[in-house]
Amino acid sequence: MDFDARTNTPGSGITGVYRTGTISIPIRAPQELFVIEDFYLRKVYGTGTYSKVIEAEKKETGSVYALKIMDKRYITKENKISTVKLERIVLDQMSHPGIVKLFFTFQDSRSLYMGLELCEGGELYDQIKRKVRLSEDETRFYASEIIDALEYLHGLGLIHRDIKPENLLLTKNGHIKIADFGSVKATKEIKISIPPNSLENKKACSLDGTSAYIPPEVLNSFPPTYGNDLWALGCTIYQMLSGTPPFKDESEWLIFQRIMARDLNFTDVFSNQAKDLIDKLLDPDPSNRLGMGHDGYATLKRHPFFNGVIWENVRDMPAPNLSLGSCTKEEDCRVQESSSTWNHTKTGNGSKSSNHQHQKAIQDGTSDFVASTDTRPYMFRIASIDSFDSKWQEFLEDGESIVMISKMKKINKLTSKKIQLIITDKPKIIRIDPSKLIAKGDIVWSYNPNELNVQLISPTHFKIFTTKKVVSFEDVKKRGLQWKKTIEELQRRC
């Protein structure tokens, strides 16, 4: 699998072109002939489903980068080749002080590598956690820079689709840069060169992004729009001012319930102007969100919350002081952070990387869950989510909706089989063979915990007990606790 399809010119550091069919796209950031051993690898900044980002110093020059390392096998297996190439092509063509720069790429037999601009100030998320919450002046500064970058991004015809504090990085001087374009979507208004197939299936909607920031129209399978990013901006502004996202709960399903019910609460920390701004960004109708009207971003910039901001010189404003303290373990829980599914300690052509490539501690699946003792009505109102994927609809009855779904392994004594496990609002627990799309039978439902219960063995392993059998599952996304909580919530509906 080639990261770049380019002209066959000999040598290292070739810019060349990306070729696909009859289309040629100029490439500025060269595909180098580097190997991973050319770098000193230091701290890990973050890990994802198939990638991690490490601080890396080029031994020859001393230049320091944020090196994004992506697992080729996973990318190929999960059919994400076009997604990764689009991210590379988009990053290569953008030029804005509020967006991370791509300097080079290279690859080996195991991995793809992107040499990105290092943002030494860390994540906006960490600033929120270290300071508990940000002041209105700090929030205004960061929100202004985010808006400036989003206006540029949307002006190119691109939707980021994963705006959140973890993807908003800070320079050593404290200025915002948007990162992680792994979920980027091109619209029909695209103004940069992209492969033609990047616009295919443009009406298809997928649950890309992080659950706490996903807008309601995405949950209802509507096509992506610029309004998706404006919703996430509203969630981020809320989180800056309060310290937590507006729609946080014990499981992904319960978060979706809050989003669909627009269960939005403001405490005394929000000024009237802040409340009004967030309220208008979190409008259920994406076309009505501030920034989406006839005047677009001009209307958003004129909101009273941004009084005093000189938009023409927004990047010249002095940045808030960075808090350099470290978060406690309790504070460092990520909102619905997905865990890695590949061995990040193996990079290069089979050699183990050095000891300083340690990962951030992966949460045990319980640190960002807070037990709920109240009986909030929204928990018992199933959201109108048609499906996470239309191909599962044939396994549902008329009017039945998916509550939770995941691909996992069913563990037997000596073997394991991949299955798609689905919980519906009927409620039913359905097992499906994902390769053959054949139903493998339901797990008998009961509202009685003595007849149906879930035992959590570890974040990845759980067992479902019924009166007739015990079924063991392995969920590599470490959502065992979410499956347990979701089943228990549905049982309490009785």
Protein backbone atom coordinates (compact mmCIF):
# COMPACT_ATOMS: atom_id res chain seq x y z
CA MET A 1 0.00 0.00 0.00
CA ASP A 2 1.56 3.29 -1.10
CA PHE A 3 0.96 6.40 0.97
CA ASP A 4 1.60 8.64 -2.02
CA ALA A 5 1.17 7.79 -5.66
CA ARG A 6 3.80 10.05 -7.20
CA THR A 7 6.04 10.36 -10.21
CA ASN A 8 8.92 7.92 -10.28
CA THR A 9 11.70 10.46 -9.86
CA PRO A 10 14.77 9.13 -8.04
CA GLY A 11 16.00 10.52 -4.78
CA SER A 12 14.69 11.61 -1.40
CA GLY A 13 12.47 14.55 -0.59
CA ILE A 14 10.47 14.48 -3.81
CA THR A 15 7.36 16.61 -3.95
CA GLY A 16 6.02 15.20 -7.22
CA VAL A 17 2.32 14.60 -7.75
CA TYR A 18 -0.37 12.31 -6.46
CA ARG A 19 -1.87 10.39 -9.37
CA THR A 20 -5.27 8.71 -9.40
CA GLY A 21 -6.73 7.78 -12.77
CA THR A 22 -6.47 10.86 -14.97
CA ILE A 23 -6.15 13.22 -12.00
CA SER A 24 -2.78 14.65 -10.89
CA ILE A 25 -2.57 16.55 -7.60
CA PRO A 26 0.62 18.50 -6.78
CA ILE A 27 2.23 17.48 -3.49
CA ARG A 28 4.17 20.06 -1.45
CA ALA A 29 5.15 18.02 1.60
CA PRO A 30 7.62 15.45 0.22
CA GLN A 31 7.46 11.71 0.60
CA GLU A 32 10.87 11.06 2.12
CA LEU A 33 12.98 7.92 2.21
CA PHE A 34 13.33 8.12 5.99
CA VAL A 35 13.26 5.15 8.36
CA ILE A 36 11.98 5.26 11.93
CA GLU A 37 15.54 4.83 13.22
CA ASP A 38 16.33 8.31 11.82
CA PHE A 39 14.41 9.78 14.78
CA TYR A 40 14.70 9.99 18.54
CA LEU A 41 11.22 9.06 19.76
CA ARG A 42 10.04 10.76 22.94
CA LYS A 43 6.72 11.30 24.66
CA VAL A 44 3.46 9.94 23.28
CA TYR A 45 0.90 12.69 22.77
CA GLY A 46 -2.06 10.46 22.04
CA THR A 47 -3.29 7.18 20.61
CA GLY A 48 -6.25 6.32 18.40
CA THR A 49 -7.85 3.28 16.83
CA TYR A 50 -5.06 2.79 14.31
CA SER A 51 -2.55 5.54 15.05
CA LYS A 52 -0.48 7.28 17.66
CA VAL A 53 1.31 10.64 17.76
CA ILE A 54 4.82 10.83 19.20
CA GLU A 55 7.25 13.69 19.69
CA ALA A 56 10.12 12.83 17.34
CA GLU A 57 13.49 14.54 16.83
CA LYS A 58 15.30 14.08 13.52
CA LYS A 59 18.76 12.89 14.48
CA GLU A 60 20.50 14.56 11.54
CA THR A 61 18.99 18.04 11.88
CA GLY A 62 17.67 18.28 15.44
CA SER A 63 14.27 19.37 14.12
CA VAL A 64 11.37 18.20 16.27
CA TYR A 65 8.01 17.05 14.91
CA ALA A 66 4.76 15.46 15.97
CA LEU A 67 5.10 12.12 14.20
CA LYS A 68 1.77 10.44 13.43
CA ILE A 69 2.28 6.68 13.04
CA MET A 70 -0.50 4.67 11.40
CA ASP A 71 -0.87 0.90 11.22
CA LYS A 72 -0.98 -0.30 7.60
CA ARG A 73 -2.60 -3.64 8.34
CA TYR A 74 -5.54 -2.06 10.17
CA ILE A 75 -5.97 0.62 7.50
CA THR A 76 -6.11 -2.01 4.76
CA LYS A 77 -8.32 -4.41 6.71
CA GLU A 78 -10.86 -1.74 7.63
CA ASN A 79 -10.84 -0.21 4.12
CA LYS A 80 -9.56 3.16 5.29
CA ILE A 81 -6.97 3.69 2.56
CA SER A 82 -8.95 6.46 0.84
CA THR A 83 -9.62 8.11 4.23
CA VAL A 84 -5.91 8.25 5.10
CA LYS A 85 -4.94 9.51 1.65
CA LEU A 86 -7.59 12.23 1.81
CA GLU A 87 -6.21 13.37 5.18
CA ARG A 88 -2.72 13.57 3.68
CA ILE A 89 -3.86 15.46 0.56
CA VAL A 90 -5.99 17.91 2.55
CA LEU A 91 -3.25 18.67 5.08
CA ASP A 92 -0.77 19.20 2.24
CA GLN A 93 -2.89 21.88 0.54
CA MET A 94 -4.03 23.90 3.54
CA SER A 95 -2.14 26.96 4.72
CA HIS A 96 -3.49 28.73 7.79
CA PRO A 97 -1.91 29.65 11.14
CA GLY A 98 -4.77 27.90 12.93
CA ILE A 99 -4.21 24.49 11.29
CA VAL A 100 -1.29 22.13 11.90
CA LYS A 101 1.26 21.92 9.07
CA LEU A 102 2.34 18.76 7.29
CA PHE A 103 6.09 18.71 6.60
CA PHE A 104 6.74 15.25 5.13
CA THR A 105 5.57 11.66 4.93
CA PHE A 106 7.32 8.30 4.73
CA GLN A 107 6.48 4.64 5.16
CA ASP A 108 7.84 1.17 5.83
CA SER A 109 6.41 -2.34 5.72
CA ARG A 110 4.36 -1.84 8.92
CA SER A 111 3.43 1.80 9.15
CA LEU A 112 2.64 5.09 7.48
CA TYR A 113 4.18 8.24 8.96
CA MET A 114 3.21 11.92 8.85
CA GLY A 115 5.69 14.53 10.07
CA LEU A 116 3.44 17.24 11.54
CA GLU A 117 3.99 20.55 13.24
CA LEU A 118 4.69 20.08 16.95
CA CYS A 119 2.39 22.04 19.25
CA GLU A 120 4.35 22.26 22.48
CA GLY A 121 1.47 23.76 24.47
CA GLY A 122 -0.42 20.45 24.36
CA GLU A 123 -4.17 20.04 24.07
CA LEU A 124 -6.83 22.58 24.96
CA TYR A 125 -8.38 19.69 26.89
CA ASP A 126 -5.43 19.68 29.30
CA GLN A 127 -5.74 23.41 29.95
CA ILE A 128 -9.41 22.96 30.84
CA LYS A 129 -8.61 20.13 33.24
CA ARG A 130 -5.66 21.84 34.87
CA LYS A 131 -7.61 25.05 35.44
CA VAL A 132 -10.88 23.19 36.24
CA ARG A 133 -12.62 25.60 33.88
CA LEU A 134 -11.58 28.61 31.84
CA SER A 135 -12.55 32.21 32.39
CA GLU A 136 -14.81 33.96 29.93
CA ASP A 137 -11.87 36.00 28.59
CA GLU A 138 -9.82 32.83 28.01
CA THR A 139 -12.79 31.13 26.39
CA ARG A 140 -13.41 34.14 24.15
CA PHE A 141 -9.77 34.08 22.99
CA TYR A 142 -9.73 30.36 22.16
CA ALA A 143 -13.20 30.39 20.59
CA SER A 144 -12.19 33.33 18.36
CA GLU A 145 -9.16 31.46 17.05
CA ILE A 146 -11.19 28.28 16.51
CA ILE A 147 -13.79 30.27 14.55
CA ASP A 148 -11.06 31.90 12.47
CA ALA A 149 -9.68 28.47 11.50
CA LEU A 150 -13.12 26.93 10.91
CA GLU A 151 -14.11 29.78 8.62
CA TYR A 152 -11.00 29.07 6.53
CA LEU A 153 -11.69 25.32 6.55
CA HIS A 154 -15.35 25.70 5.56
CA GLY A 155 -14.35 28.25 2.93
CA LEU A 156 -12.33 25.48 1.26
CA GLY A 157 -15.38 23.22 1.25
CA LEU A 158 -14.18 20.94 4.05
CA ILE A 159 -15.94 19.69 7.19
CA HIS A 160 -13.65 18.58 10.03
CA ARG A 161 -16.27 16.40 11.82
CA ASP A 162 -14.25 15.86 15.01
CA ILE A 163 -13.85 19.25 16.65
CA LYS A 164 -13.22 18.78 20.38
CA PRO A 165 -10.72 20.04 22.98
CA GLU A 166 -8.43 17.02 22.39
CA ASN A 167 -8.04 18.00 18.71
CA LEU A 168 -7.43 21.68 19.44
CA LEU A 169 -3.70 22.01 20.06
CA LEU A 170 -1.76 24.93 21.49
CA THR A 171 1.55 26.34 20.32
CA LYS A 172 4.25 27.12 22.88
CA ASN A 173 2.88 30.68 22.81
CA GLY A 174 -0.66 29.49 23.52
CA HIS A 175 -2.35 29.87 20.14
CA ILE A 176 -4.89 27.37 18.79
CA LYS A 177 -4.26 24.96 15.92
CA ILE A 178 -6.83 22.43 14.68
CA ALA A 179 -5.42 18.91 14.33
CA ASP A 180 -6.49 15.37 13.40
CA PHE A 181 -8.16 15.44 10.00
CA GLY A 182 -8.87 11.71 9.99
CA SER A 183 -12.63 12.33 9.74
CA VAL A 184 -12.51 15.22 7.25
CA LYS A 185 -15.28 15.34 4.64
CA ALA A 186 -15.17 17.16 1.32
CA THR A 187 -18.33 18.92 0.12
CA LYS A 188 -19.48 19.75 -3.39
CA GLU A 189 -18.11 23.29 -2.79
CA ILE A 190 -14.55 21.92 -2.49
CA LYS A 191 -11.91 24.44 -3.57
CA ILE A 192 -8.80 22.26 -3.34
CA SER A 193 -7.74 19.26 -5.41
CA ILE A 194 -8.89 15.89 -4.07
CA PRO A 195 -9.34 12.40 -5.57
CA PRO A 196 -12.71 12.12 -7.39
CA ASN A 197 -13.89 9.21 -5.23
CA SER A 198 -13.65 11.44 -2.14
CA LEU A 199 -17.03 12.91 -3.08
CA GLU A 200 -18.70 9.53 -3.60
CA ASN A 201 -21.46 8.49 -1.22
CA LYS A 202 -21.71 12.09 -0.09
CA LYS A 203 -25.22 11.43 1.20
CA ALA A 204 -24.04 8.59 3.39
CA CYS A 205 -23.68 9.51 7.03
CA SER A 206 -21.44 7.74 9.51
CA LEU A 207 -20.84 8.19 13.20
CA ASP A 208 -17.37 9.67 12.80
CA GLY A 209 -16.32 11.87 15.66
CA THR A 210 -16.57 11.60 19.43
CA SER A 211 -19.92 10.74 20.97
CA ALA A 212 -20.22 13.75 23.31
CA TYR A 213 -19.80 16.17 20.38
CA ILE A 214 -21.90 14.42 17.70
CA PRO A 215 -24.85 16.56 16.54
CA PRO A 216 -28.41 15.20 16.45
CA GLU A 217 -28.67 15.23 12.66
CA VAL A 218 -25.76 12.78 12.43
CA LEU A 219 -27.56 10.44 14.82
CA ASN A 220 -30.54 10.64 12.49
CA SER A 221 -28.39 9.74 9.44
CA PHE A 222 -28.59 13.10 7.69
CA PRO A 223 -25.70 14.10 5.38
CA PRO A 224 -22.85 16.05 6.99
CA THR A 225 -22.87 19.84 6.80
CA TYR A 226 -20.74 22.71 8.11
CA GLY A 227 -23.27 22.86 10.92
CA ASN A 228 -21.75 19.67 12.35
CA ASP A 229 -18.59 21.61 13.24
CA LEU A 230 -20.59 24.54 14.63
CA TRP A 231 -22.44 22.17 16.98
CA ALA A 232 -19.09 20.80 18.17
CA LEU A 233 -17.87 24.39 18.63
CA GLY A 234 -20.85 25.06 20.89
CA CYS A 235 -20.05 21.93 22.91
CA THR A 236 -16.41 23.01 23.21
CA ILE A 237 -17.29 26.53 24.38
CA TYR A 238 -19.62 24.98 26.98
CA GLN A 239 -16.80 22.68 28.14
CA MET A 240 -14.30 25.53 28.39
CA LEU A 241 -16.60 27.52 30.65
CA SER A 242 -17.89 24.65 32.80
CA GLY A 243 -15.13 22.03 32.72
CA THR A 244 -17.34 19.26 31.28
CA PRO A 245 -19.12 18.66 27.95
CA PRO A 246 -22.81 19.59 27.82
CA PHE A 247 -23.95 16.04 27.06
CA LYS A 248 -21.90 13.79 29.35
CA ASP A 249 -23.27 10.56 30.80
CA GLU A 250 -22.47 6.98 31.79
CA SER A 251 -22.53 5.40 28.33
CA GLU A 252 -22.55 6.28 24.67
CA TRP A 253 -26.25 5.47 24.44
CA LEU A 254 -27.14 7.75 27.35
CA ILE A 255 -25.06 10.53 25.81
CA PHE A 256 -27.06 10.12 22.61
CA GLN A 257 -30.27 10.34 24.64
CA ARG A 258 -29.16 13.69 26.05
CA ILE A 259 -28.21 14.97 22.61
CA MET A 260 -31.49 13.95 21.00
CA ALA A 261 -33.51 15.37 23.90
CA ARG A 262 -31.27 18.47 23.89
CA ASP A 263 -30.90 18.03 27.64
CA LEU A 264 -28.89 21.22 28.05
CA ASN A 265 -28.37 22.76 31.47
CA PHE A 266 -26.59 26.00 32.38
CA THR A 267 -25.11 26.69 35.81
CA ASP A 268 -24.28 30.05 37.33
CA VAL A 269 -20.82 30.09 35.70
CA PHE A 270 -22.41 31.01 32.35
CA SER A 271 -23.13 34.66 31.62
CA ASN A 272 -26.25 35.55 29.66
CA GLN A 273 -24.16 36.25 26.58
CA ALA A 274 -22.38 32.89 26.85
CA LYS A 275 -25.69 31.06 27.30
CA ASP A 276 -27.18 32.78 24.28
CA LEU A 277 -24.15 31.96 22.12
CA ILE A 278 -24.11 28.28 23.10
CA ASP A 279 -27.88 28.02 22.76
CA LYS A 280 -27.70 29.31 19.18
CA LEU A 281 -24.78 27.04 18.26
CA LEU A 282 -26.60 24.02 19.69
CA ASP A 283 -29.77 24.60 17.69
CA PRO A 284 -31.27 21.19 16.74
CA ASP A 285 -31.70 22.43 13.16
CA PRO A 286 -28.21 22.72 11.62
CA SER A 287 -29.38 25.34 9.11
CA ASN A 288 -30.39 27.63 11.99
CA ARG A 289 -27.10 27.46 13.88
CA LEU A 290 -25.18 30.68 14.31
CA GLY A 291 -22.77 30.88 11.39
CA MET A 292 -25.01 28.93 8.98
CA GLY A 293 -27.36 31.71 7.86
CA HIS A 294 -27.19 34.00 4.83
CA ASP A 295 -24.38 36.07 6.37
CA GLY A 296 -22.53 32.96 7.56
CA TYR A 297 -19.63 33.59 9.90
CA ALA A 298 -20.24 37.35 9.93
CA THR A 299 -23.32 36.77 12.09
CA LEU A 300 -21.39 34.52 14.45
CA LYS A 301 -18.59 37.06 14.83
CA ARG A 302 -21.08 39.84 15.60
CA HIS A 303 -22.51 37.98 18.59
CA PRO A 304 -22.20 40.11 21.79
CA PHE A 305 -20.03 37.41 23.42
CA PHE A 306 -17.25 38.44 21.02
CA ASN A 307 -17.48 42.19 21.66
CA GLY A 308 -13.96 43.62 21.64
CA VAL A 309 -12.51 40.97 19.34
CA ILE A 310 -10.70 42.51 16.37
CA TRP A 311 -11.28 39.76 13.85
CA GLU A 312 -8.88 41.15 11.25
CA ASN A 313 -6.05 40.73 13.76
CA VAL A 314 -7.40 37.82 15.77
CA ARG A 315 -4.10 35.93 15.62
CA ASP A 316 -2.22 38.91 17.03
CA MET A 317 -4.11 38.94 20.32
CA PRO A 318 -2.04 37.99 23.39
CA ALA A 319 -2.75 34.42 24.42
CA PRO A 320 -3.73 33.36 27.97
CA ASN A 321 -0.97 32.00 30.16
CA LEU A 322 -0.60 28.23 29.82
CA SER A 323 -0.97 26.09 32.91
CA LEU A 324 2.05 23.77 32.86
CA GLY A 325 1.04 21.51 35.73
CA SER A 326 0.13 17.90 35.06
CA CYS A 327 -3.40 16.55 35.35
CA THR A 328 -4.14 14.04 38.06
CA LYS A 329 -5.12 10.51 37.02
CA GLU A 330 -8.71 11.32 37.91
CA GLU A 331 -8.64 14.45 35.77
CA ASP A 332 -6.99 12.77 32.81
CA CYS A 333 -10.02 10.75 31.75
CA ARG A 334 -10.96 11.33 28.14
CA VAL A 335 -14.57 11.73 27.03
CA GLN A 336 -15.45 8.40 25.38
CA GLU A 337 -11.84 7.96 24.23
CA SER A 338 -11.41 4.93 22.00
CA SER A 339 -8.50 2.64 22.77
CA SER A 340 -5.95 1.29 20.38
CA THR A 341 -6.49 -2.02 18.62
CA TRP A 342 -2.90 -2.57 17.47
CA ASN A 343 0.47 -2.91 19.11
CA HIS A 344 1.94 0.59 19.19
CA THR A 345 5.28 -0.66 20.47
CA LYS A 346 5.98 -2.26 17.09
CA THR A 347 7.00 0.31 14.50
CA GLY A 348 9.49 0.29 11.69
CA ASN A 349 10.33 -2.95 9.93
CA GLY A 350 9.82 -5.27 12.84
CA SER A 351 12.16 -3.80 15.46
CA LYS A 352 10.86 -2.81 18.85
CA SER A 353 11.00 0.88 19.52
CA SER A 354 12.94 2.19 22.49
CA ASN A 355 11.65 2.29 26.05
CA HIS A 356 10.64 5.94 25.94
CA GLN A 357 7.79 5.05 23.54
CA HIS A 358 5.55 4.29 26.48
CA GLN A 359 1.83 4.83 25.93
CA LYS A 360 -0.40 7.01 28.01
CA ALA A 361 -2.14 4.85 30.57
CA ILE A 362 -5.32 3.49 29.02
CA GLN A 363 -8.27 4.10 31.24
CA ASP A 364 -9.86 1.05 32.80
CA GLY A 365 -13.25 1.97 31.41
CA THR A 366 -14.65 3.34 34.67
CA SER A 367 -12.84 6.61 35.32
CA ASP A 368 -15.14 8.80 33.23
CA PHE A 369 -18.37 7.22 34.43
CA VAL A 370 -20.26 8.66 37.37
CA ALA A 371 -22.96 6.52 38.90
CA SER A 372 -26.40 7.98 38.40
CA THR A 373 -28.99 7.70 41.13
CA ASP A 374 -31.66 10.05 39.79
CA THR A 375 -34.50 8.97 37.51
CA ARG A 376 -34.28 11.42 34.64
CA PRO A 377 -37.08 11.05 32.11
CA TYR A 378 -34.76 11.35 29.11
CA MET A 379 -33.21 7.98 30.00
CA PHE A 380 -36.48 6.26 29.19
CA ARG A 381 -37.09 7.96 25.86
CA ILE A 382 -35.39 6.16 23.00
CA ALA A 383 -33.88 8.55 20.49
CA SER A 384 -35.00 8.40 16.88
CA ILE A 385 -31.75 6.91 15.68
CA ASP A 386 -32.54 4.87 12.58
CA SER A 387 -29.34 2.85 12.66
CA PHE A 388 -25.61 3.14 12.96
CA ASP A 389 -25.43 1.43 9.57
CA SER A 390 -28.32 0.79 7.20
CA LYS A 391 -27.23 -2.81 6.50
CA TRP A 392 -28.40 -3.80 10.00
CA GLN A 393 -31.95 -2.59 9.34
CA GLU A 394 -33.04 -5.94 7.89
CA PHE A 395 -32.53 -7.51 11.32
CA LEU A 396 -34.90 -5.03 13.00
CA GLU A 397 -38.67 -4.96 13.19
CA ASP A 398 -40.71 -1.99 11.95
CA GLY A 399 -40.20 0.96 14.29
CA GLU A 400 -37.36 -0.76 16.16
CA SER A 401 -34.19 1.27 16.76
CA ILE A 402 -30.61 0.38 17.62
CA VAL A 403 -29.51 1.46 21.08
CA MET A 404 -25.95 0.14 21.03
CA ILE A 405 -23.89 -1.77 18.47
CA SER A 406 -20.33 -3.04 18.20
CA LYS A 407 -18.24 -5.63 16.43
CA MET A 408 -16.61 -7.97 18.94
CA LYS A 409 -15.57 -11.56 19.60
CA LYS A 410 -17.77 -14.27 21.09
CA ILE A 411 -15.44 -16.32 23.26
CA ASN A 412 -15.83 -20.09 23.48
CA LYS A 413 -13.61 -22.44 25.47
CA LEU A 414 -11.04 -23.00 22.72
CA THR A 415 -12.09 -20.62 19.94
CA SER A 416 -13.50 -17.19 19.28
CA LYS A 417 -15.75 -15.87 16.52
CA LYS A 418 -16.36 -12.33 15.32
CA ILE A 419 -19.93 -11.15 15.74
CA GLN A 420 -21.92 -7.93 15.57
CA LEU A 421 -23.71 -7.45 18.87
CA ILE A 422 -26.77 -5.19 18.84
CA ILE A 423 -29.10 -4.00 21.59
CA THR A 424 -32.41 -2.54 20.42
CA ASP A 425 -35.15 -0.56 22.12
CA LYS A 426 -37.61 -3.47 21.92
CA PRO A 427 -35.47 -4.52 23.86
CA LYS A 428 -33.59 -7.34 22.13
CA ILE A 429 -29.97 -8.52 22.15
CA ILE A 430 -29.12 -9.70 18.64
CA ARG A 431 -26.04 -11.57 17.44
CA ILE A 432 -25.09 -11.33 13.74
CA ASP A 433 -22.32 -12.89 11.67
CA PRO A 434 -20.82 -9.66 10.17
CA SER A 435 -19.15 -11.38 7.21
CA LYS A 436 -22.18 -13.40 6.07
CA LEU A 437 -24.83 -10.99 7.45
CA ILE A 438 -26.70 -13.90 9.02
CA ALA A 439 -28.54 -13.70 12.33
CA LYS A 440 -27.00 -16.05 14.89
CA GLY A 441 -29.91 -15.84 17.31
CA ASP A 442 -31.07 -13.53 20.09
CA ILE A 443 -30.02 -13.66 23.70
CA VAL A 444 -33.25 -14.14 25.62
CA TRP A 445 -34.30 -10.82 27.16
CA SER A 446 -35.66 -10.44 30.68
CA TYR A 447 -36.40 -7.43 32.81
CA ASN A 448 -35.55 -9.54 35.86
CA PRO A 449 -31.85 -9.14 36.80
CA ASN A 450 -31.95 -12.68 38.20
CA GLU A 451 -32.73 -13.98 34.71
CA LEU A 452 -30.51 -11.62 32.69
CA ASN A 453 -27.42 -9.88 34.00
CA VAL A 454 -23.97 -8.79 32.88
CA GLN A 455 -20.73 -9.53 34.68
CA LEU A 456 -17.79 -7.25 33.87
CA ILE A 457 -14.56 -9.27 33.86
CA SER A 458 -12.31 -6.49 32.55
CA PRO A 459 -12.76 -3.38 30.37
CA THR A 460 -12.61 -5.64 27.29
CA HIS A 461 -14.30 -8.79 28.61
CA PHE A 462 -17.83 -9.29 29.87
CA LYS A 463 -20.32 -12.14 30.24
CA ILE A 464 -24.07 -12.12 29.71
CA PHE A 465 -25.88 -14.56 32.02
CA THR A 466 -29.35 -15.93 31.26
CA THR A 467 -31.28 -18.78 32.83
CA LYS A 468 -30.21 -21.08 29.97
CA LYS A 469 -26.60 -20.15 29.19
CA VAL A 470 -23.63 -17.85 29.72
CA VAL A 471 -22.13 -16.03 26.72
CA SER A 472 -18.66 -14.44 26.90
CA PHE A 473 -17.61 -11.45 24.77
CA GLU A 474 -14.45 -9.47 24.07
CA ASP A 475 -14.83 -5.84 22.99
CA VAL A 476 -11.45 -4.41 21.94
CA LYS A 477 -12.85 -0.89 22.30
CA LYS A 478 -13.00 -1.48 26.06
CA ARG A 479 -16.72 -0.71 26.31
CA GLY A 480 -17.65 -3.62 28.56
CA LEU A 481 -18.95 -1.27 31.25
CA GLN A 482 -21.09 0.56 28.68
CA TRP A 483 -22.74 -2.71 27.60
CA LYS A 484 -23.47 -3.54 31.23
CA LYS A 485 -24.90 -0.09 31.99
CA THR A 486 -27.02 -0.03 28.83
CA ILE A 487 -28.64 -3.40 29.55
CA GLU A 488 -29.29 -2.38 33.15
CA GLU A 489 -30.86 0.93 32.04
CA LEU A 490 -33.21 -0.89 29.67
CA GLN A 491 -34.17 -3.30 32.44
CA ARG A 492 -35.07 -0.37 34.69
CA ARG A 493 -37.57 0.86 32.07
CA CYS A 494 -39.93 -1.91 33.18
